[in-house]
Amino acid sequence: MTSDRIWYAAYGSNILKARFLCYLQGGRYLPHHNEHTGARDSQQPGHFAPLVHGPWSLSFGLSSDRWGGGVAFLEPRRSEGACVRCWDITQEQFMDVAAQENGLEPGDITIDIGEVVRRGEISIGNSWYSRVVCLGQYRERPLLTFTSEKTPEPTPPGEPYLSVILNGLIESSPQQESAHVDRLLRARGVAPTWTREAIAQLAKRET
């Protein structure tokens, strides 16, 4: 690798900066959430954190008690116009975020970033987000994320979770609010439980 920094492709609740920072700096996003340890390196991500659209699909599945419904998964081999938010972080921070997303502590896992880039993906276990995937290159750095080994059956997301994602998308690209609503409506597991109007209302709530 030519740089210690990579792009972490967030597509679920980590799209919102305040939520993502819990994985880097510790703490809890909502009062009833478990407290995160935070990464060994707690520095903030780079200021530039754009949305990138790609040949991927977004779905909601399984069920989280913490979030009250299905949670997000990215399918990198299905082209349905999903987007990710790119966080500029170190390789070590990426490993520590992946560890926490899989119920482990920072430092519990080591990911060979070069191997992920060469092979396209690797597995780091059998939990919900144990499939580490390289989505390609962005600005001459690897664009990496983690998702499920297999796309789960659709489950509608709860209001707090969908609100965090929508407001994270708006935070990154406020001029495209309407497009963000439509994008979430297309994701598997959202309709018919959620209508376009109901999703749009979430943008007006505090996150």
C-alpha atoms as a PDB file:
ATOM      1  CA  MET A   1       0.000   0.000   0.000  1.00  0.00           C
ATOM      2  CA  THR A   2       1.287   3.471  -0.802  1.00  0.00           C
ATOM      3  CA  SER A   3      -0.545   5.089   2.114  1.00  0.00           C
ATOM      4  CA  ASP A   4      -1.707   4.092   5.571  1.00  0.00           C
ATOM      5  CA  ARG A   5      -5.043   5.761   4.863  1.00  0.00           C
ATOM      6  CA  ILE A   6      -8.030   4.188   3.156  1.00  0.00           C
ATOM      7  CA  TRP A   7     -11.622   5.162   2.446  1.00  0.00           C
ATOM      8  CA  TYR A   8     -14.205   3.461   4.612  1.00  0.00           C
ATOM      9  CA  ALA A   9     -17.451   3.134   2.650  1.00  0.00           C
ATOM     10  CA  ALA A  10     -20.321   3.665   5.109  1.00  0.00           C
ATOM     11  CA  TYR A  11     -23.863   2.878   4.005  1.00  0.00           C
ATOM     12  CA  GLY A  12     -25.793   2.325   7.271  1.00  0.00           C
ATOM     13  CA  SER A  13     -25.920   4.435  10.417  1.00  0.00           C
ATOM     14  CA  ASN A  14     -22.228   5.311  10.046  1.00  0.00           C
ATOM     15  CA  ILE A  15     -23.169   7.661   7.217  1.00  0.00           C
ATOM     16  CA  LEU A  16     -23.989  10.228   9.922  1.00  0.00           C
ATOM     17  CA  LYS A  17     -20.800  11.732  11.353  1.00  0.00           C
ATOM     18  CA  ALA A  18     -21.994  11.951  14.974  1.00  0.00           C
ATOM     19  CA  ARG A  19     -22.858   8.269  14.917  1.00  0.00           C
ATOM     20  CA  PHE A  20     -19.631   7.224  13.187  1.00  0.00           C
ATOM     21  CA  LEU A  21     -17.505   9.121  15.699  1.00  0.00           C
ATOM     22  CA  CYS A  22     -18.712   6.766  18.437  1.00  0.00           C
ATOM     23  CA  TYR A  23     -16.633   4.055  16.744  1.00  0.00           C
ATOM     24  CA  LEU A  24     -13.556   6.282  16.691  1.00  0.00           C
ATOM     25  CA  GLN A  25     -13.852   8.264  19.918  1.00  0.00           C
ATOM     26  CA  GLY A  26     -16.076   6.064  22.067  1.00  0.00           C
ATOM     27  CA  GLY A  27     -19.428   6.751  23.683  1.00  0.00           C
ATOM     28  CA  ARG A  28     -23.003   5.972  22.740  1.00  0.00           C
ATOM     29  CA  TYR A  29     -25.120   7.603  20.067  1.00  0.00           C
ATOM     30  CA  LEU A  30     -28.482   7.152  21.815  1.00  0.00           C
ATOM     31  CA  PRO A  31     -28.991   6.752  25.569  1.00  0.00           C
ATOM     32  CA  HIS A  32     -30.193   3.144  25.315  1.00  0.00           C
ATOM     33  CA  HIS A  33     -27.309   2.041  23.064  1.00  0.00           C
ATOM     34  CA  ASN A  34     -24.305   0.143  24.347  1.00  0.00           C
ATOM     35  CA  GLU A  35     -21.229   2.272  24.832  1.00  0.00           C
ATOM     36  CA  HIS A  36     -18.510   1.907  22.213  1.00  0.00           C
ATOM     37  CA  THR A  37     -14.879   1.651  23.242  1.00  0.00           C
ATOM     38  CA  GLY A  38     -13.639   3.736  20.341  1.00  0.00           C
ATOM     39  CA  ALA A  39     -10.631   3.103  18.140  1.00  0.00           C
ATOM     40  CA  ARG A  40      -7.081   2.923  19.456  1.00  0.00           C
ATOM     41  CA  ASP A  41      -6.441   6.014  17.340  1.00  0.00           C
ATOM     42  CA  SER A  42      -9.288   8.417  18.098  1.00  0.00           C
ATOM     43  CA  GLN A  43      -8.410  11.123  15.582  1.00  0.00           C
ATOM     44  CA  GLN A  44     -11.323  12.371  13.518  1.00  0.00           C
ATOM     45  CA  PRO A  45     -11.666  11.322   9.873  1.00  0.00           C
ATOM     46  CA  GLY A  46     -10.568  13.653   7.133  1.00  0.00           C
ATOM     47  CA  HIS A  47     -12.842  16.616   6.495  1.00  0.00           C
ATOM     48  CA  PHE A  48     -13.691  15.553   2.926  1.00  0.00           C
ATOM     49  CA  ALA A  49     -16.367  12.830   3.178  1.00  0.00           C
ATOM     50  CA  PRO A  50     -18.283  12.622  -0.112  1.00  0.00           C
ATOM     51  CA  LEU A  51     -21.014  10.311  -1.310  1.00  0.00           C
ATOM     52  CA  VAL A  52     -19.949   7.906  -4.035  1.00  0.00           C
ATOM     53  CA  HIS A  53     -22.460   6.091  -6.221  1.00  0.00           C
ATOM     54  CA  GLY A  54     -21.642   2.654  -7.515  1.00  0.00           C
ATOM     55  CA  PRO A  55     -22.923  -0.623  -8.943  1.00  0.00           C
ATOM     56  CA  TRP A  56     -24.106  -1.849  -5.546  1.00  0.00           C
ATOM     57  CA  SER A  57     -27.443  -2.470  -3.836  1.00  0.00           C
ATOM     58  CA  LEU A  58     -28.715  -1.595  -0.362  1.00  0.00           C
ATOM     59  CA  SER A  59     -31.002  -3.819   1.675  1.00  0.00           C
ATOM     60  CA  PHE A  60     -32.310  -4.027   5.220  1.00  0.00           C
ATOM     61  CA  GLY A  61     -32.467  -7.339   7.018  1.00  0.00           C
ATOM     62  CA  LEU A  62     -32.216  -9.267  10.270  1.00  0.00           C
ATOM     63  CA  SER A  63     -33.412  -7.333  13.339  1.00  0.00           C
ATOM     64  CA  SER A  64     -31.593  -5.181  15.870  1.00  0.00           C
ATOM     65  CA  ASP A  65     -33.098  -4.590  19.305  1.00  0.00           C
ATOM     66  CA  ARG A  66     -30.948  -1.487  19.579  1.00  0.00           C
ATOM     67  CA  TRP A  67     -32.398   0.031  16.415  1.00  0.00           C
ATOM     68  CA  GLY A  68     -35.868  -1.518  16.488  1.00  0.00           C
ATOM     69  CA  GLY A  69     -35.839  -3.299  13.139  1.00  0.00           C
ATOM     70  CA  GLY A  70     -33.756  -4.326  10.170  1.00  0.00           C
ATOM     71  CA  VAL A  71     -30.255  -2.994   9.626  1.00  0.00           C
ATOM     72  CA  ALA A  72     -28.416  -2.129   6.432  1.00  0.00           C
ATOM     73  CA  PHE A  73     -26.319  -4.407   4.258  1.00  0.00           C
ATOM     74  CA  LEU A  74     -24.547  -3.678   0.994  1.00  0.00           C
ATOM     75  CA  GLU A  75     -24.463  -6.163  -1.845  1.00  0.00           C
ATOM     76  CA  PRO A  76     -21.407  -5.252  -3.940  1.00  0.00           C
ATOM     77  CA  ARG A  77     -22.229  -7.612  -6.808  1.00  0.00           C
ATOM     78  CA  ARG A  78     -25.723  -6.296  -7.574  1.00  0.00           C
ATOM     79  CA  SER A  79     -26.007  -3.043  -9.507  1.00  0.00           C
ATOM     80  CA  GLU A  80     -28.910  -0.988  -8.215  1.00  0.00           C
ATOM     81  CA  GLY A  81     -27.384   2.439  -7.765  1.00  0.00           C
ATOM     82  CA  ALA A  82     -26.662   2.438  -4.043  1.00  0.00           C
ATOM     83  CA  CYS A  83     -24.282   4.996  -2.613  1.00  0.00           C
ATOM     84  CA  VAL A  84     -21.776   5.074   0.228  1.00  0.00           C
ATOM     85  CA  ARG A  85     -20.228   7.862   2.257  1.00  0.00           C
ATOM     86  CA  CYS A  86     -16.443   7.813   2.144  1.00  0.00           C
ATOM     87  CA  TRP A  87     -14.647   8.382   5.425  1.00  0.00           C
ATOM     88  CA  ASP A  88     -10.923   9.135   5.213  1.00  0.00           C
ATOM     89  CA  ILE A  89      -9.384   7.047   8.028  1.00  0.00           C
ATOM     90  CA  THR A  90      -6.304   4.954   8.744  1.00  0.00           C
ATOM     91  CA  GLN A  91      -6.084   1.242   8.120  1.00  0.00           C
ATOM     92  CA  GLU A  92      -5.901   0.636  11.874  1.00  0.00           C
ATOM     93  CA  GLN A  93      -9.045   2.694  12.463  1.00  0.00           C
ATOM     94  CA  PHE A  94     -10.841   0.672   9.806  1.00  0.00           C
ATOM     95  CA  MET A  95      -9.865  -2.549  11.577  1.00  0.00           C
ATOM     96  CA  ASP A  96     -11.093  -1.184  14.905  1.00  0.00           C
ATOM     97  CA  VAL A  97     -14.420  -0.083  13.417  1.00  0.00           C
ATOM     98  CA  ALA A  98     -14.831  -3.525  11.845  1.00  0.00           C
ATOM     99  CA  ALA A  99     -14.039  -5.154  15.183  1.00  0.00           C
ATOM    100  CA  GLN A 100     -16.676  -3.137  17.024  1.00  0.00           C
ATOM    101  CA  GLU A 101     -19.262  -3.751  14.313  1.00  0.00           C
ATOM    102  CA  ASN A 102     -18.690  -7.474  14.836  1.00  0.00           C
ATOM    103  CA  GLY A 103     -18.970  -7.439  18.622  1.00  0.00           C
ATOM    104  CA  LEU A 104     -15.212  -7.385  19.258  1.00  0.00           C
ATOM    105  CA  GLU A 105     -12.849  -4.887  20.829  1.00  0.00           C
ATOM    106  CA  PRO A 106     -10.366  -2.652  19.012  1.00  0.00           C
ATOM    107  CA  GLY A 107      -7.175  -4.588  18.409  1.00  0.00           C
ATOM    108  CA  ASP A 108      -8.939  -7.967  18.431  1.00  0.00           C
ATOM    109  CA  ILE A 109      -8.611  -8.415  14.680  1.00  0.00           C
ATOM    110  CA  THR A 110      -5.959  -7.671  12.080  1.00  0.00           C
ATOM    111  CA  ILE A 111      -7.028  -7.261   8.478  1.00  0.00           C
ATOM    112  CA  ASP A 112      -4.515  -7.582   5.666  1.00  0.00           C
ATOM    113  CA  ILE A 113      -5.668  -4.615   3.596  1.00  0.00           C
ATOM    114  CA  GLY A 114      -3.444  -5.606   0.704  1.00  0.00           C
ATOM    115  CA  GLU A 115      -5.068  -9.038   0.600  1.00  0.00           C
ATOM    116  CA  VAL A 116      -8.548  -7.508   0.571  1.00  0.00           C
ATOM    117  CA  VAL A 117      -7.553  -5.329  -2.363  1.00  0.00           C
ATOM    118  CA  ARG A 118      -5.990  -8.235  -4.273  1.00  0.00           C
ATOM    119  CA  ARG A 119      -8.772 -10.752  -3.658  1.00  0.00           C
ATOM    120  CA  GLY A 120     -11.709  -8.351  -3.618  1.00  0.00           C
ATOM    121  CA  GLU A 121     -12.996  -9.614  -0.281  1.00  0.00           C
ATOM    122  CA  ILE A 122     -12.122 -11.724   2.749  1.00  0.00           C
ATOM    123  CA  SER A 123     -14.011 -13.130   5.725  1.00  0.00           C
ATOM    124  CA  ILE A 124     -13.119 -12.266   9.313  1.00  0.00           C
ATOM    125  CA  GLY A 125     -15.665 -14.507  11.041  1.00  0.00           C
ATOM    126  CA  ASN A 126     -19.323 -15.455  10.941  1.00  0.00           C
ATOM    127  CA  SER A 127     -21.075 -12.429  12.435  1.00  0.00           C
ATOM    128  CA  TRP A 128     -23.334  -9.943  10.672  1.00  0.00           C
ATOM    129  CA  TYR A 129     -20.584  -7.757   9.206  1.00  0.00           C
ATOM    130  CA  SER A 130     -17.749 -10.215   8.782  1.00  0.00           C
ATOM    131  CA  ARG A 131     -17.343  -9.906   4.997  1.00  0.00           C
ATOM    132  CA  VAL A 132     -14.700  -7.279   4.271  1.00  0.00           C
ATOM    133  CA  VAL A 133     -14.990  -6.018   0.696  1.00  0.00           C
ATOM    134  CA  CYS A 134     -12.938  -3.771  -1.555  1.00  0.00           C
ATOM    135  CA  LEU A 135     -15.332  -1.726  -3.704  1.00  0.00           C
ATOM    136  CA  GLY A 136     -12.529  -0.451  -5.893  1.00  0.00           C
ATOM    137  CA  GLN A 137     -10.318   2.617  -5.800  1.00  0.00           C
ATOM    138  CA  TYR A 138     -11.331   6.173  -4.998  1.00  0.00           C
ATOM    139  CA  ARG A 139      -8.866   9.024  -5.345  1.00  0.00           C
ATOM    140  CA  GLU A 140      -6.025   6.506  -5.577  1.00  0.00           C
ATOM    141  CA  ARG A 141      -6.877   4.738  -2.328  1.00  0.00           C
ATOM    142  CA  PRO A 142      -8.806   1.524  -1.617  1.00  0.00           C
ATOM    143  CA  LEU A 143     -12.519   1.940  -0.904  1.00  0.00           C
ATOM    144  CA  LEU A 144     -13.370  -0.670   1.732  1.00  0.00           C
ATOM    145  CA  THR A 145     -16.462  -1.725   3.624  1.00  0.00           C
ATOM    146  CA  PHE A 146     -17.892  -4.700   5.477  1.00  0.00           C
ATOM    147  CA  THR A 147     -21.223  -6.438   5.034  1.00  0.00           C
ATOM    148  CA  SER A 148     -22.881  -9.831   5.465  1.00  0.00           C
ATOM    149  CA  GLU A 149     -21.643 -13.064   3.934  1.00  0.00           C
ATOM    150  CA  LYS A 150     -25.080 -13.517   2.345  1.00  0.00           C
ATOM    151  CA  THR A 151     -27.773 -10.914   1.848  1.00  0.00           C
ATOM    152  CA  PRO A 152     -30.411 -11.649   4.510  1.00  0.00           C
ATOM    153  CA  GLU A 153     -34.145 -11.771   3.957  1.00  0.00           C
ATOM    154  CA  PRO A 154     -35.660  -8.262   3.934  1.00  0.00           C
ATOM    155  CA  THR A 155     -36.766  -6.754   7.235  1.00  0.00           C
ATOM    156  CA  PRO A 156     -38.067  -3.179   7.475  1.00  0.00           C
ATOM    157  CA  PRO A 157     -35.856  -0.772   9.415  1.00  0.00           C
ATOM    158  CA  GLY A 158     -37.119   1.060  12.480  1.00  0.00           C
ATOM    159  CA  GLU A 159     -37.636   4.803  12.578  1.00  0.00           C
ATOM    160  CA  PRO A 160     -34.455   5.705  14.529  1.00  0.00           C
ATOM    161  CA  TYR A 161     -32.249   3.760  12.143  1.00  0.00           C
ATOM    162  CA  LEU A 162     -33.763   5.036   8.920  1.00  0.00           C
ATOM    163  CA  SER A 163     -33.675   8.576  10.297  1.00  0.00           C
ATOM    164  CA  VAL A 164     -29.950   8.363  11.033  1.00  0.00           C
ATOM    165  CA  ILE A 165     -29.195   7.138   7.515  1.00  0.00           C
ATOM    166  CA  LEU A 166     -31.365   9.752   5.804  1.00  0.00           C
ATOM    167  CA  ASN A 167     -29.911  12.585   7.847  1.00  0.00           C
ATOM    168  CA  GLY A 168     -26.407  11.309   7.195  1.00  0.00           C
ATOM    169  CA  LEU A 169     -27.077  11.418   3.463  1.00  0.00           C
ATOM    170  CA  ILE A 170     -28.464  14.930   3.795  1.00  0.00           C
ATOM    171  CA  GLU A 171     -25.496  15.967   5.931  1.00  0.00           C
ATOM    172  CA  SER A 172     -23.173  14.911   3.128  1.00  0.00           C
ATOM    173  CA  SER A 173     -25.231  16.224   0.222  1.00  0.00           C
ATOM    174  CA  PRO A 174     -28.088  18.494   1.385  1.00  0.00           C
ATOM    175  CA  GLN A 175     -29.080  19.626  -2.095  1.00  0.00           C
ATOM    176  CA  GLN A 176     -30.152  16.065  -2.991  1.00  0.00           C
ATOM    177  CA  GLU A 177     -32.619  15.454  -0.165  1.00  0.00           C
ATOM    178  CA  SER A 178     -35.404  14.288  -2.471  1.00  0.00           C
ATOM    179  CA  ALA A 179     -33.078  11.870  -4.258  1.00  0.00           C
ATOM    180  CA  HIS A 180     -31.931  10.473  -0.899  1.00  0.00           C
ATOM    181  CA  VAL A 181     -35.518   9.731   0.075  1.00  0.00           C
ATOM    182  CA  ASP A 182     -36.137   7.945  -3.223  1.00  0.00           C
ATOM    183  CA  ARG A 183     -32.915   5.994  -2.867  1.00  0.00           C
ATOM    184  CA  LEU A 184     -33.922   4.666   0.555  1.00  0.00           C
ATOM    185  CA  LEU A 185     -37.391   3.808  -0.694  1.00  0.00           C
ATOM    186  CA  ARG A 186     -35.822   1.574  -3.378  1.00  0.00           C
ATOM    187  CA  ALA A 187     -33.758  -0.402  -0.873  1.00  0.00           C
ATOM    188  CA  ARG A 188     -34.987  -3.905  -0.135  1.00  0.00           C
ATOM    189  CA  GLY A 189     -37.016  -4.171   3.047  1.00  0.00           C
ATOM    190  CA  VAL A 190     -38.203  -0.551   3.127  1.00  0.00           C
ATOM    191  CA  ALA A 191     -41.465  -0.608   1.140  1.00  0.00           C
ATOM    192  CA  PRO A 192     -44.333  -1.204   1.720  1.00  0.00           C
ATOM    193  CA  THR A 193     -43.794  -0.589   5.449  1.00  0.00           C
ATOM    194  CA  TRP A 194     -42.344   2.819   4.669  1.00  0.00           C
ATOM    195  CA  THR A 195     -43.840   5.267   2.166  1.00  0.00           C
ATOM    196  CA  ARG A 196     -41.997   8.094   0.483  1.00  0.00           C
ATOM    197  CA  GLU A 197     -43.881  10.634   2.589  1.00  0.00           C
ATOM    198  CA  ALA A 198     -43.041   8.861   5.851  1.00  0.00           C
ATOM    199  CA  ILE A 199     -39.343   8.703   4.978  1.00  0.00           C
ATOM    200  CA  ALA A 200     -39.283  12.369   3.986  1.00  0.00           C
ATOM    201  CA  GLN A 201     -40.668  13.361   7.382  1.00  0.00           C
ATOM    202  CA  LEU A 202     -37.649  11.834   9.104  1.00  0.00           C
ATOM    203  CA  ALA A 203     -35.457  14.591   7.699  1.00  0.00           C
ATOM    204  CA  LYS A 204     -37.185  17.079   9.951  1.00  0.00           C
ATOM    205  CA  ARG A 205     -36.324  15.272  13.151  1.00  0.00           C
ATOM    206  CA  GLU A 206     -33.284  15.764  15.295  1.00  0.00           C
ATOM    207  CA  THR A 207     -30.552  13.166  14.909  1.00  0.00           C
END
